[in-house]
Amino acid sequence: MRYIKTYEKLDKDQPKIGDYVICKELETNNVLNDAEISIVNFISKNIGEIVDFRTDDNMTQEYIEVAYKYNIFVQYENIPDELYDDFAYHKKFDKCRIFNINEIIHWSKNKEELEEILEFDSTVNKYNL
């Protein structure tokens, strides 16, 4: 297993379409119900793929750059049935969740690098390190 510093981004640029990501939804309030906890847990323990950015043909370039930071569509596989309805439908993709750039913890073009991070995090939590 290679050592990856968690405070460094795996790719110095912004994430791009096709990159794999690990996300963490920012909590909007301190009280989460069971369904919200399930979604937060699923997202933080699974790897998604960026499939699109919310843009509009009528936007100016400055507005597209702002929208890019806050409207990133991430597609997930193997979503549990009880969570399936909480994932948005994109015009071309289903099983998507919309994130802003601050909610993306790690990204990489290589899915295996992110799998190692999830494995490491799982081991740390398992042994309470």
Foldseek 3Di string as FASTA:
>chain_A
DDDDDQVDAPDPDADDALKKFQFADDDPDDDDDPLRVVVRVVRNLFIWGFHDFDDDPPDDPVVSVVSRQFWTKTAGPPDDPVCQVVWDADPVHTRIDTGGNVGTRYIDSDVVVVVVVSVVVVVCVVVVD
